[in-house]
Amino acid sequence: MDRSVVILAFDTTKGFSQDKGMTQIEGKPLLRRVVDAVEGCTDETIIVTESQKQINLYQKLVPPDVEFVVCSDASKGPLAMAVCGLETAKGNYTLLLPSDSPFISSEVVDLLFDLSTNKAAVVPRSPDSEPEPLQSVYNTKQALEIAKEAVAEGDYAIEALVERLRCIRFLSTMVIEQLDPDLKTFFRVKNPIDFKKAVVLSKPKPKRTKK
């Protein structure tokens, strides 16, 4: 197995009346949009949750071959959850994703994997030109080792992966724009206002009428 995807389902109820992953955009739950975006790009999909209760909710939303893992240290942050996912992943390379990005570009995902050979990670730069550790592809073994080391030292920031790994290939925003002109792949639904924006962004752009 070569490609795994680990989806981190954290902070899923803050500001929402129900679990955020179940909130629908254009008739499809947010979590299912993320799972569908990477379908065909990876060999296995793993969702890391904070509790069994989440799994009970999510199993109804996704295909039966999706694997679930409960992270007992989820309260410590996304890096702790990433460790749980990386420990489970069987692929040589693993894509880390947040569970609240409804517009992930499968073309960008494929490119990240294609560029990952002999690299510790392929990390895209977001619209503000900062590295985006939660939409990156990692050498599974190397990332797990570094993540465990950081957590053992009390560093739970997901950015520790990018800061501590060596031999990283950074993917410029200009390259990503060739595949995703609006850079919507980086958009995240972190609160109800973002959700309203996502609903608007999900609608097709009106066609320009010729004069």
N, C-alpha and C. Protein backbone atom coordinates (compact mmCIF):
# COMPACT_ATOMS: atom_id res chain seq x y z
N MET A 1 0.85 -1.20 0.00
CA MET A 1 0.00 0.00 0.00
C MET A 1 0.88 1.25 0.00
N ASP A 2 0.53 2.20 -0.83
CA ASP A 2 1.39 3.37 -0.99
C ASP A 2 0.79 4.65 -0.40
N ARG A 3 -0.51 4.87 -0.58
CA ARG A 3 -1.12 6.13 -0.18
C ARG A 3 -2.21 5.96 0.88
N SER A 4 -2.07 6.68 1.96
CA SER A 4 -3.09 6.73 3.01
C SER A 4 -3.55 8.17 3.18
N VAL A 5 -4.76 8.32 3.67
CA VAL A 5 -5.22 9.65 4.09
C VAL A 5 -5.73 9.55 5.51
N VAL A 6 -5.30 10.47 6.35
CA VAL A 6 -5.75 10.55 7.74
C VAL A 6 -6.51 11.86 7.90
N ILE A 7 -7.77 11.75 8.26
CA ILE A 7 -8.64 12.93 8.45
C ILE A 7 -8.83 13.15 9.94
N LEU A 8 -8.46 14.32 10.41
CA LEU A 8 -8.53 14.63 11.84
C LEU A 8 -9.86 15.34 12.14
N ALA A 9 -10.71 14.66 12.90
CA ALA A 9 -12.02 15.22 13.24
C ALA A 9 -11.95 15.80 14.65
N PHE A 10 -11.44 17.02 14.77
CA PHE A 10 -11.30 17.65 16.07
C PHE A 10 -12.13 18.92 16.16
N ASP A 11 -12.43 19.33 17.40
CA ASP A 11 -13.15 20.58 17.66
C ASP A 11 -14.41 20.65 16.80
N THR A 12 -15.24 19.61 16.89
CA THR A 12 -16.32 19.46 15.92
C THR A 12 -17.67 20.05 16.32
N THR A 13 -17.82 20.56 17.54
CA THR A 13 -19.13 21.05 17.95
C THR A 13 -19.13 22.53 18.32
N LYS A 14 -17.97 23.13 18.43
CA LYS A 14 -17.88 24.52 18.89
C LYS A 14 -18.67 25.46 17.98
N GLY A 15 -19.69 26.10 18.57
CA GLY A 15 -20.48 27.07 17.83
C GLY A 15 -21.56 26.47 16.96
N PHE A 16 -21.67 25.14 16.93
CA PHE A 16 -22.67 24.49 16.09
C PHE A 16 -23.70 23.77 16.96
N SER A 17 -24.91 23.66 16.46
CA SER A 17 -25.98 23.00 17.21
C SER A 17 -25.87 21.49 17.15
N GLN A 18 -25.08 20.98 16.21
CA GLN A 18 -24.85 19.54 16.10
C GLN A 18 -23.38 19.32 15.74
N ASP A 19 -22.95 18.07 15.71
CA ASP A 19 -21.58 17.78 15.33
C ASP A 19 -21.30 18.41 13.96
N LYS A 20 -20.21 19.16 13.88
CA LYS A 20 -19.91 19.91 12.65
C LYS A 20 -19.80 19.01 11.43
N GLY A 21 -19.25 17.83 11.61
CA GLY A 21 -19.08 16.92 10.49
C GLY A 21 -20.38 16.52 9.84
N MET A 22 -21.49 16.62 10.57
CA MET A 22 -22.79 16.23 10.04
C MET A 22 -23.53 17.38 9.39
N THR A 23 -23.02 18.59 9.56
CA THR A 23 -23.66 19.77 8.98
C THR A 23 -23.60 19.68 7.45
N GLN A 24 -24.72 19.89 6.82
CA GLN A 24 -24.81 19.68 5.37
C GLN A 24 -24.56 20.95 4.57
N ILE A 25 -23.81 20.77 3.49
CA ILE A 25 -23.59 21.82 2.51
C ILE A 25 -24.08 21.29 1.17
N GLU A 26 -25.06 21.94 0.61
CA GLU A 26 -25.66 21.47 -0.64
C GLU A 26 -26.10 20.01 -0.54
N GLY A 27 -26.71 19.67 0.61
CA GLY A 27 -27.28 18.35 0.77
C GLY A 27 -26.30 17.24 1.12
N LYS A 28 -25.02 17.57 1.37
CA LYS A 28 -24.04 16.55 1.69
C LYS A 28 -23.32 16.93 2.98
N PRO A 29 -23.21 16.01 3.96
CA PRO A 29 -22.51 16.32 5.21
C PRO A 29 -21.08 16.76 4.96
N LEU A 30 -20.61 17.67 5.79
CA LEU A 30 -19.27 18.24 5.65
C LEU A 30 -18.21 17.14 5.63
N LEU A 31 -18.29 16.20 6.55
CA LEU A 31 -17.29 15.13 6.60
C LEU A 31 -17.32 14.30 5.32
N ARG A 32 -18.50 14.01 4.81
CA ARG A 32 -18.60 13.20 3.60
C ARG A 32 -17.98 13.93 2.40
N ARG A 33 -18.08 15.24 2.38
CA ARG A 33 -17.45 16.00 1.30
C ARG A 33 -15.93 15.81 1.31
N VAL A 34 -15.35 15.77 2.50
CA VAL A 34 -13.91 15.58 2.61
C VAL A 34 -13.54 14.16 2.15
N VAL A 35 -14.28 13.17 2.61
CA VAL A 35 -14.01 11.78 2.24
C VAL A 35 -14.15 11.60 0.73
N ASP A 36 -15.20 12.16 0.15
CA ASP A 36 -15.42 12.01 -1.30
C ASP A 36 -14.33 12.70 -2.12
N ALA A 37 -13.80 13.79 -1.58
CA ALA A 37 -12.78 14.56 -2.33
C ALA A 37 -11.53 13.74 -2.59
N VAL A 38 -11.19 12.83 -1.66
CA VAL A 38 -9.96 12.05 -1.81
C VAL A 38 -10.21 10.64 -2.32
N GLU A 39 -11.47 10.33 -2.59
CA GLU A 39 -11.79 9.00 -3.11
C GLU A 39 -11.08 8.80 -4.46
N GLY A 40 -10.40 7.71 -4.61
CA GLY A 40 -9.66 7.45 -5.83
C GLY A 40 -8.24 7.98 -5.81
N CYS A 41 -7.93 8.84 -4.85
CA CYS A 41 -6.57 9.39 -4.74
C CYS A 41 -5.71 8.57 -3.78
N THR A 42 -6.35 7.80 -2.89
CA THR A 42 -5.62 7.09 -1.84
C THR A 42 -6.07 5.64 -1.76
N ASP A 43 -5.26 4.83 -1.07
CA ASP A 43 -5.57 3.41 -0.92
C ASP A 43 -6.38 3.10 0.33
N GLU A 44 -6.35 3.99 1.30
CA GLU A 44 -7.14 3.80 2.51
C GLU A 44 -7.47 5.16 3.12
N THR A 45 -8.61 5.21 3.79
CA THR A 45 -9.05 6.43 4.47
C THR A 45 -9.25 6.13 5.95
N ILE A 46 -8.61 6.93 6.79
CA ILE A 46 -8.69 6.77 8.23
C ILE A 46 -9.20 8.08 8.83
N ILE A 47 -10.21 7.98 9.68
CA ILE A 47 -10.73 9.16 10.37
C ILE A 47 -10.40 9.03 11.85
N VAL A 48 -9.68 10.01 12.37
CA VAL A 48 -9.32 10.02 13.80
C VAL A 48 -10.32 10.89 14.53
N THR A 49 -10.96 10.32 15.55
CA THR A 49 -12.01 11.03 16.28
C THR A 49 -11.61 11.23 17.74
N GLU A 50 -12.44 12.01 18.42
CA GLU A 50 -12.21 12.26 19.83
C GLU A 50 -12.93 11.24 20.72
N SER A 51 -13.93 10.53 20.16
CA SER A 51 -14.73 9.62 20.99
C SER A 51 -15.44 8.58 20.13
N GLN A 52 -15.90 7.53 20.81
CA GLN A 52 -16.71 6.51 20.14
C GLN A 52 -18.04 7.09 19.69
N LYS A 53 -18.52 8.08 20.43
CA LYS A 53 -19.78 8.74 20.07
C LYS A 53 -19.68 9.34 18.66
N GLN A 54 -18.55 9.97 18.38
CA GLN A 54 -18.34 10.51 17.03
C GLN A 54 -18.36 9.40 15.99
N ILE A 55 -17.71 8.31 16.28
CA ILE A 55 -17.68 7.20 15.33
C ILE A 55 -19.10 6.71 15.03
N ASN A 56 -19.91 6.60 16.07
CA ASN A 56 -21.29 6.14 15.89
C ASN A 56 -22.06 7.07 14.96
N LEU A 57 -21.77 8.36 15.03
CA LEU A 57 -22.42 9.32 14.15
C LEU A 57 -21.87 9.23 12.72
N TYR A 58 -20.55 9.15 12.62
CA TYR A 58 -19.89 9.24 11.32
C TYR A 58 -20.02 7.99 10.48
N GLN A 59 -20.17 6.83 11.11
CA GLN A 59 -20.27 5.60 10.34
C GLN A 59 -21.48 5.61 9.41
N LYS A 60 -22.48 6.40 9.76
CA LYS A 60 -23.67 6.50 8.93
C LYS A 60 -23.45 7.40 7.72
N LEU A 61 -22.36 8.18 7.75
CA LEU A 61 -22.15 9.20 6.72
C LEU A 61 -21.19 8.77 5.62
N VAL A 62 -20.33 7.80 5.91
CA VAL A 62 -19.22 7.49 5.00
C VAL A 62 -19.28 6.04 4.53
N PRO A 63 -18.55 5.69 3.47
CA PRO A 63 -18.53 4.31 2.98
C PRO A 63 -18.02 3.33 4.05
N PRO A 64 -18.44 2.07 3.97
CA PRO A 64 -18.09 1.10 5.02
C PRO A 64 -16.61 0.75 5.11
N ASP A 65 -15.84 1.05 4.06
CA ASP A 65 -14.41 0.71 4.10
C ASP A 65 -13.57 1.77 4.80
N VAL A 66 -14.19 2.88 5.21
CA VAL A 66 -13.46 3.91 5.96
C VAL A 66 -13.15 3.39 7.37
N GLU A 67 -11.92 3.55 7.81
CA GLU A 67 -11.49 3.07 9.13
C GLU A 67 -11.53 4.21 10.14
N PHE A 68 -11.91 3.88 11.37
CA PHE A 68 -11.99 4.88 12.43
C PHE A 68 -11.03 4.55 13.56
N VAL A 69 -10.49 5.61 14.17
CA VAL A 69 -9.60 5.47 15.31
C VAL A 69 -9.99 6.51 16.35
N VAL A 70 -10.15 6.09 17.60
CA VAL A 70 -10.38 7.04 18.69
C VAL A 70 -9.03 7.39 19.29
N CYS A 71 -8.76 8.69 19.38
CA CYS A 71 -7.50 9.15 19.98
C CYS A 71 -7.77 9.57 21.43
N SER A 72 -7.18 8.86 22.36
CA SER A 72 -7.40 9.16 23.78
C SER A 72 -6.76 10.47 24.20
N ASP A 73 -5.79 10.95 23.39
CA ASP A 73 -5.11 12.21 23.70
C ASP A 73 -5.60 13.37 22.83
N ALA A 74 -6.78 13.22 22.25
CA ALA A 74 -7.28 14.23 21.32
C ALA A 74 -7.34 15.63 21.92
N SER A 75 -7.60 15.71 23.23
CA SER A 75 -7.71 17.02 23.88
C SER A 75 -6.40 17.78 23.87
N LYS A 76 -5.30 17.09 23.60
CA LYS A 76 -3.99 17.75 23.59
C LYS A 76 -3.70 18.43 22.26
N GLY A 77 -4.53 18.18 21.25
CA GLY A 77 -4.35 18.91 20.00
C GLY A 77 -4.19 18.02 18.78
N PRO A 78 -4.14 18.65 17.61
CA PRO A 78 -4.11 17.90 16.35
C PRO A 78 -2.87 17.03 16.16
N LEU A 79 -1.73 17.41 16.73
CA LEU A 79 -0.55 16.58 16.53
C LEU A 79 -0.71 15.24 17.25
N ALA A 80 -1.32 15.25 18.42
CA ALA A 80 -1.58 14.00 19.12
C ALA A 80 -2.52 13.12 18.31
N MET A 81 -3.50 13.73 17.67
CA MET A 81 -4.42 12.98 16.83
C MET A 81 -3.70 12.45 15.58
N ALA A 82 -2.78 13.26 15.07
CA ALA A 82 -2.01 12.83 13.90
C ALA A 82 -1.19 11.59 14.23
N VAL A 83 -0.64 11.52 15.44
CA VAL A 83 0.12 10.34 15.86
C VAL A 83 -0.76 9.10 15.78
N CYS A 84 -1.98 9.20 16.29
CA CYS A 84 -2.90 8.06 16.25
C CYS A 84 -3.17 7.62 14.81
N GLY A 85 -3.35 8.60 13.94
CA GLY A 85 -3.61 8.27 12.53
C GLY A 85 -2.41 7.67 11.83
N LEU A 86 -1.25 8.25 12.07
CA LEU A 86 -0.02 7.76 11.44
C LEU A 86 0.34 6.36 11.93
N GLU A 87 0.03 6.06 13.19
CA GLU A 87 0.27 4.72 13.72
C GLU A 87 -0.61 3.68 13.02
N THR A 88 -1.76 4.11 12.57
CA THR A 88 -2.72 3.20 11.94
C THR A 88 -2.47 3.07 10.44
N ALA A 89 -1.96 4.14 9.83
CA ALA A 89 -1.79 4.17 8.37
C ALA A 89 -0.83 3.09 7.88
N LYS A 90 -1.23 2.44 6.81
CA LYS A 90 -0.40 1.38 6.23
C LYS A 90 0.37 1.86 5.00
N GLY A 91 0.01 3.01 4.47
CA GLY A 91 0.68 3.53 3.28
C GLY A 91 2.07 4.05 3.58
N ASN A 92 2.92 4.03 2.57
CA ASN A 92 4.26 4.60 2.73
C ASN A 92 4.18 6.12 2.91
N TYR A 93 3.16 6.72 2.31
CA TYR A 93 2.96 8.17 2.42
C TYR A 93 1.54 8.43 2.89
N THR A 94 1.40 9.45 3.72
CA THR A 94 0.10 9.76 4.32
C THR A 94 -0.24 11.24 4.13
N LEU A 95 -1.45 11.47 3.65
CA LEU A 95 -2.00 12.82 3.55
C LEU A 95 -2.75 13.14 4.82
N LEU A 96 -2.39 14.22 5.49
CA LEU A 96 -3.12 14.69 6.66
C LEU A 96 -4.12 15.76 6.25
N LEU A 97 -5.35 15.61 6.70
CA LEU A 97 -6.40 16.58 6.35
C LEU A 97 -7.23 16.91 7.58
N PRO A 98 -7.75 18.15 7.64
CA PRO A 98 -8.75 18.47 8.65
C PRO A 98 -10.11 18.00 8.14
N SER A 99 -11.02 17.74 9.04
CA SER A 99 -12.34 17.23 8.63
C SER A 99 -13.30 18.32 8.19
N ASP A 100 -12.83 19.57 8.20
CA ASP A 100 -13.74 20.69 7.92
C ASP A 100 -13.35 21.49 6.68
N SER A 101 -12.72 20.82 5.70
CA SER A 101 -12.35 21.49 4.44
C SER A 101 -13.22 20.94 3.31
N PRO A 102 -14.31 21.60 3.00
CA PRO A 102 -15.30 21.04 2.07
C PRO A 102 -14.91 21.11 0.60
N PHE A 103 -13.85 21.84 0.26
CA PHE A 103 -13.52 22.04 -1.15
C PHE A 103 -12.14 21.53 -1.52
N ILE A 104 -11.70 20.47 -0.87
CA ILE A 104 -10.38 19.91 -1.16
C ILE A 104 -10.29 19.52 -2.63
N SER A 105 -9.20 19.90 -3.25
CA SER A 105 -8.98 19.61 -4.67
C SER A 105 -8.30 18.25 -4.82
N SER A 106 -8.97 17.32 -5.48
CA SER A 106 -8.36 16.01 -5.72
C SER A 106 -7.14 16.14 -6.63
N GLU A 107 -7.14 17.14 -7.51
CA GLU A 107 -5.97 17.36 -8.38
C GLU A 107 -4.75 17.79 -7.57
N VAL A 108 -4.98 18.65 -6.58
CA VAL A 108 -3.88 19.07 -5.71
C VAL A 108 -3.39 17.88 -4.88
N VAL A 109 -4.31 17.07 -4.39
CA VAL A 109 -3.94 15.88 -3.61
C VAL A 109 -3.07 14.95 -4.44
N ASP A 110 -3.47 14.69 -5.67
CA ASP A 110 -2.68 13.81 -6.54
C ASP A 110 -1.29 14.37 -6.78
N LEU A 111 -1.20 15.69 -6.96
CA LEU A 111 0.09 16.31 -7.20
C LEU A 111 0.99 16.17 -5.97
N LEU A 112 0.44 16.37 -4.79
CA LEU A 112 1.22 16.23 -3.56
C LEU A 112 1.80 14.82 -3.45
N PHE A 113 1.00 13.83 -3.73
CA PHE A 113 1.49 12.45 -3.67
C PHE A 113 2.53 12.20 -4.76
N ASP A 114 2.29 12.72 -5.95
CA ASP A 114 3.23 12.50 -7.05
C ASP A 114 4.62 13.07 -6.75
N LEU A 115 4.63 14.16 -5.99
CA LEU A 115 5.90 14.84 -5.68
C LEU A 115 6.58 14.31 -4.42
N SER A 116 5.94 13.35 -3.76
CA SER A 116 6.43 12.94 -2.43
C SER A 116 7.57 11.92 -2.45
N THR A 117 7.84 11.32 -3.59
CA THR A 117 8.87 10.28 -3.65
C THR A 117 10.22 10.82 -3.15
N ASN A 118 10.81 10.08 -2.22
CA ASN A 118 12.13 10.41 -1.65
C ASN A 118 12.13 11.73 -0.86
N LYS A 119 10.95 12.19 -0.46
CA LYS A 119 10.85 13.39 0.36
C LYS A 119 10.24 13.03 1.71
N ALA A 120 10.61 13.78 2.74
CA ALA A 120 9.99 13.59 4.05
C ALA A 120 8.57 14.12 4.06
N ALA A 121 8.33 15.12 3.22
CA ALA A 121 6.98 15.69 3.13
C ALA A 121 6.89 16.60 1.90
N VAL A 122 5.67 16.76 1.43
CA VAL A 122 5.37 17.78 0.42
C VAL A 122 4.33 18.70 1.05
N VAL A 123 4.69 19.94 1.24
CA VAL A 123 3.88 20.89 2.00
C VAL A 123 3.48 22.06 1.11
N PRO A 124 2.19 22.25 0.87
CA PRO A 124 1.77 23.39 0.06
C PRO A 124 1.77 24.68 0.89
N ARG A 125 1.87 25.76 0.20
CA ARG A 125 1.76 27.07 0.86
C ARG A 125 0.36 27.61 0.63
N SER A 126 -0.26 28.07 1.70
CA SER A 126 -1.62 28.59 1.66
C SER A 126 -1.64 29.98 1.01
N PRO A 127 -2.82 30.56 0.82
CA PRO A 127 -2.89 31.88 0.17
C PRO A 127 -2.07 32.97 0.83
N ASP A 128 -1.77 32.85 2.13
CA ASP A 128 -0.93 33.86 2.78
C ASP A 128 0.55 33.46 2.76
N SER A 129 0.86 32.46 1.92
CA SER A 129 2.24 31.99 1.68
C SER A 129 2.85 31.25 2.86
N GLU A 130 2.04 30.89 3.84
CA GLU A 130 2.53 30.12 4.98
C GLU A 130 2.40 28.62 4.69
N PRO A 131 3.31 27.80 5.20
CA PRO A 131 3.18 26.35 5.04
C PRO A 131 1.86 25.86 5.64
N GLU A 132 1.22 24.91 4.99
CA GLU A 132 -0.05 24.38 5.45
C GLU A 132 0.13 22.91 5.86
N PRO A 133 0.45 22.65 7.13
CA PRO A 133 0.75 21.28 7.57
C PRO A 133 -0.45 20.35 7.55
N LEU A 134 -1.66 20.90 7.52
CA LEU A 134 -2.85 20.06 7.54
C LEU A 134 -3.46 19.87 6.15
N GLN A 135 -2.66 20.03 5.13
CA GLN A 135 -3.08 19.56 3.81
C GLN A 135 -1.82 19.15 3.07
N SER A 136 -1.02 18.35 3.77
CA SER A 136 0.29 17.95 3.27
C SER A 136 0.42 16.44 3.24
N VAL A 137 1.35 15.97 2.41
CA VAL A 137 1.66 14.53 2.34
C VAL A 137 3.00 14.28 3.02
N TYR A 138 3.02 13.27 3.89
CA TYR A 138 4.21 12.96 4.67
C TYR A 138 4.67 11.53 4.43
N ASN A 139 5.99 11.34 4.49
CA ASN A 139 6.51 9.99 4.61
C ASN A 139 6.00 9.47 5.95
N THR A 140 5.21 8.42 5.93
CA THR A 140 4.50 7.99 7.14
C THR A 140 5.46 7.67 8.29
N LYS A 141 6.47 6.90 8.01
CA LYS A 141 7.40 6.47 9.05
C LYS A 141 8.15 7.65 9.65
N GLN A 142 8.65 8.55 8.79
CA GLN A 142 9.41 9.69 9.29
C GLN A 142 8.53 10.65 10.07
N ALA A 143 7.33 10.90 9.56
CA ALA A 143 6.42 11.82 10.24
C ALA A 143 6.00 11.28 11.60
N LEU A 144 5.74 9.99 11.68
CA LEU A 144 5.35 9.39 12.95
C LEU A 144 6.47 9.52 13.98
N GLU A 145 7.67 9.28 13.56
CA GLU A 145 8.82 9.39 14.48
C GLU A 145 8.97 10.81 15.00
N ILE A 146 8.87 11.78 14.10
CA ILE A 146 9.02 13.18 14.50
C ILE A 146 7.85 13.63 15.37
N ALA A 147 6.64 13.20 15.01
CA ALA A 147 5.45 13.60 15.78
C ALA A 147 5.52 13.05 17.20
N LYS A 148 5.93 11.80 17.35
CA LYS A 148 6.07 11.22 18.68
C LYS A 148 7.13 11.95 19.50
N GLU A 149 8.21 12.31 18.84
CA GLU A 149 9.29 13.05 19.51
C GLU A 149 8.78 14.40 20.02
N ALA A 150 8.03 15.10 19.17
CA ALA A 150 7.51 16.42 19.56
C ALA A 150 6.53 16.30 20.72
N VAL A 151 5.62 15.34 20.63
CA VAL A 151 4.62 15.14 21.69
C VAL A 151 5.30 14.79 23.00
N ALA A 152 6.33 13.96 22.94
CA ALA A 152 7.07 13.58 24.15
C ALA A 152 7.70 14.80 24.82
N GLU A 153 8.01 15.82 24.02
CA GLU A 153 8.62 17.03 24.54
C GLU A 153 7.58 18.09 24.90
N GLY A 154 6.28 17.73 24.78
CA GLY A 154 5.22 18.64 25.13
C GLY A 154 4.82 19.61 24.04
N ASP A 155 5.27 19.35 22.81
CA ASP A 155 4.93 20.21 21.67
C ASP A 155 3.79 19.55 20.91
N TYR A 156 2.59 20.10 21.02
CA TYR A 156 1.42 19.50 20.39
C TYR A 156 0.93 20.25 19.16
N ALA A 157 1.69 21.23 18.72
CA ALA A 157 1.29 22.01 17.54
C ALA A 157 1.56 21.19 16.28
N ILE A 158 0.61 21.18 15.39
CA ILE A 158 0.77 20.42 14.14
C ILE A 158 1.92 20.98 13.31
N GLU A 159 2.24 22.25 13.52
CA GLU A 159 3.35 22.88 12.80
C GLU A 159 4.70 22.23 13.12
N ALA A 160 4.75 21.48 14.22
CA ALA A 160 6.00 20.82 14.60
C ALA A 160 6.48 19.86 13.52
N LEU A 161 5.56 19.29 12.77
CA LEU A 161 5.95 18.38 11.70
C LEU A 161 6.80 19.10 10.66
N VAL A 162 6.36 20.27 10.25
CA VAL A 162 7.08 21.04 9.24
C VAL A 162 8.37 21.61 9.80
N GLU A 163 8.34 22.02 11.05
CA GLU A 163 9.52 22.64 11.67
C GLU A 163 10.64 21.62 11.93
N ARG A 164 10.27 20.37 12.20
CA ARG A 164 11.25 19.39 12.62
C ARG A 164 11.72 18.44 11.52
N LEU A 165 10.90 18.24 10.52
CA LEU A 165 11.28 17.33 9.43
C LEU A 165 12.33 17.98 8.52
N ARG A 166 13.15 17.16 7.94
CA ARG A 166 14.14 17.62 6.97
C ARG A 166 13.78 17.03 5.60
N CYS A 167 14.29 17.64 4.56
CA CYS A 167 14.04 17.19 3.19
C CYS A 167 12.56 17.33 2.82
N ILE A 168 12.04 18.54 3.02
CA ILE A 168 10.66 18.86 2.67
C ILE A 168 10.63 19.58 1.33
N ARG A 169 9.66 19.24 0.51
CA ARG A 169 9.44 19.98 -0.73
C ARG A 169 8.22 20.88 -0.51
N PHE A 170 8.40 22.18 -0.67
CA PHE A 170 7.30 23.13 -0.52
C PHE A 170 6.69 23.41 -1.89
N LEU A 171 5.38 23.44 -1.92
CA LEU A 171 4.65 23.67 -3.16
C LEU A 171 4.09 25.08 -3.14
N SER A 172 4.49 25.89 -4.12
CA SER A 172 4.11 27.30 -4.12
C SER A 172 2.63 27.50 -4.43
N THR A 173 2.10 28.61 -3.95
CA THR A 173 0.71 28.96 -4.21
C THR A 173 0.45 29.09 -5.70
N MET A 174 1.43 29.60 -6.44
CA MET A 174 1.25 29.79 -7.88
C MET A 174 1.03 28.46 -8.60
N VAL A 175 1.72 27.41 -8.15
CA VAL A 175 1.53 26.09 -8.75
C VAL A 175 0.13 25.57 -8.42
N ILE A 176 -0.29 25.73 -7.17
CA ILE A 176 -1.60 25.25 -6.75
C ILE A 176 -2.71 25.96 -7.51
N GLU A 177 -2.51 27.25 -7.79
CA GLU A 177 -3.52 28.03 -8.52
C GLU A 177 -3.77 27.48 -9.92
N GLN A 178 -2.80 26.78 -10.50
CA GLN A 178 -3.01 26.19 -11.82
C GLN A 178 -4.07 25.10 -11.77
N LEU A 179 -4.20 24.46 -10.61
CA LEU A 179 -5.18 23.39 -10.44
C LEU A 179 -6.44 23.85 -9.72
N ASP A 180 -6.28 24.84 -8.87
CA ASP A 180 -7.39 25.34 -8.05
C ASP A 180 -7.31 26.86 -8.05
N PRO A 181 -7.80 27.50 -9.12
CA PRO A 181 -7.61 28.95 -9.30
C PRO A 181 -8.07 29.80 -8.12
N ASP A 182 -9.12 29.39 -7.43
CA ASP A 182 -9.64 30.18 -6.32
C ASP A 182 -9.04 29.77 -4.97
N LEU A 183 -8.15 28.77 -4.99
CA LEU A 183 -7.51 28.26 -3.77
C LEU A 183 -8.52 27.85 -2.71
N LYS A 184 -9.66 27.35 -3.17
CA LYS A 184 -10.71 26.92 -2.23
C LYS A 184 -10.31 25.68 -1.45
N THR A 185 -9.32 24.95 -1.93
CA THR A 185 -8.90 23.73 -1.25
C THR A 185 -8.47 24.01 0.19
N PHE A 186 -8.03 25.24 0.47
CA PHE A 186 -7.57 25.58 1.82
C PHE A 186 -8.68 26.10 2.73
N PHE A 187 -9.86 26.31 2.18
CA PHE A 187 -10.95 26.90 2.97
C PHE A 187 -11.42 25.91 4.04
N ARG A 188 -11.56 26.40 5.27
CA ARG A 188 -12.02 25.56 6.37
C ARG A 188 -13.24 26.16 7.05
N VAL A 189 -14.12 25.30 7.49
CA VAL A 189 -15.32 25.71 8.22
C VAL A 189 -15.02 25.60 9.71
N LYS A 190 -14.51 26.68 10.28
CA LYS A 190 -14.12 26.67 11.69
C LYS A 190 -15.24 27.18 12.60
N ASN A 191 -16.21 27.88 12.05
CA ASN A 191 -17.29 28.45 12.85
C ASN A 191 -18.52 28.65 11.96
N PRO A 192 -19.67 29.03 12.56
CA PRO A 192 -20.89 29.19 11.77
C PRO A 192 -20.78 30.23 10.65
N ILE A 193 -19.96 31.25 10.82
CA ILE A 193 -19.79 32.25 9.76
C ILE A 193 -19.10 31.61 8.55
N ASP A 194 -18.07 30.80 8.83
CA ASP A 194 -17.40 30.08 7.75
C ASP A 194 -18.37 29.13 7.04
N PHE A 195 -19.27 28.55 7.81
CA PHE A 195 -20.25 27.64 7.21
C PHE A 195 -21.13 28.38 6.20
N LYS A 196 -21.56 29.58 6.57
CA LYS A 196 -22.38 30.37 5.65
C LYS A 196 -21.60 30.71 4.38
N LYS A 197 -20.30 31.01 4.55
CA LYS A 197 -19.46 31.28 3.39
C LYS A 197 -19.34 30.04 2.51
N ALA A 198 -19.22 28.88 3.16
CA ALA A 198 -19.08 27.63 2.42
C ALA A 198 -20.31 27.35 1.57
N VAL A 199 -21.48 27.66 2.11
CA VAL A 199 -22.72 27.46 1.35
C VAL A 199 -22.71 28.31 0.09
N VAL A 200 -22.24 29.54 0.23
CA VAL A 200 -22.16 30.44 -0.93
C VAL A 200 -21.12 29.93 -1.93
N LEU A 201 -19.96 29.53 -1.42
CA LEU A 201 -18.88 29.06 -2.29
C LEU A 201 -19.23 27.77 -3.02
N SER A 202 -20.12 26.99 -2.44
CA SER A 202 -20.48 25.70 -3.04
C SER A 202 -21.38 25.86 -4.27
N LYS A 203 -21.97 27.02 -4.43
CA LYS A 203 -22.87 27.24 -5.56
C LYS A 203 -22.07 27.58 -6.81
N PRO A 204 -22.49 27.09 -7.97
CA PRO A 204 -21.77 27.37 -9.21
C PRO A 204 -21.74 28.87 -9.49
N LYS A 205 -20.62 29.30 -10.06
CA LYS A 205 -20.51 30.71 -10.43
C LYS A 205 -21.47 31.01 -11.58
N PRO A 206 -22.16 32.15 -11.51
CA PRO A 206 -23.05 32.50 -12.62
C PRO A 206 -22.26 32.73 -13.92
N LYS A 207 -22.80 32.24 -14.99
CA LYS A 207 -22.12 32.42 -16.28
C LYS A 207 -22.24 33.86 -16.74
N ARG A 208 -21.12 34.36 -17.26
CA ARG A 208 -21.12 35.73 -17.78
C ARG A 208 -21.84 35.77 -19.12
N THR A 209 -22.69 36.75 -19.25
CA THR A 209 -23.42 36.89 -20.52
C THR A 209 -22.59 37.73 -21.49
N LYS A 210 -22.59 37.30 -22.70
CA LYS A 210 -21.83 38.04 -23.72
C LYS A 210 -22.60 39.30 -24.11
N LYS A 211 -21.84 40.37 -24.25
CA LYS A 211 -22.45 41.63 -24.66
C LYS A 211 -22.58 41.67 -26.18
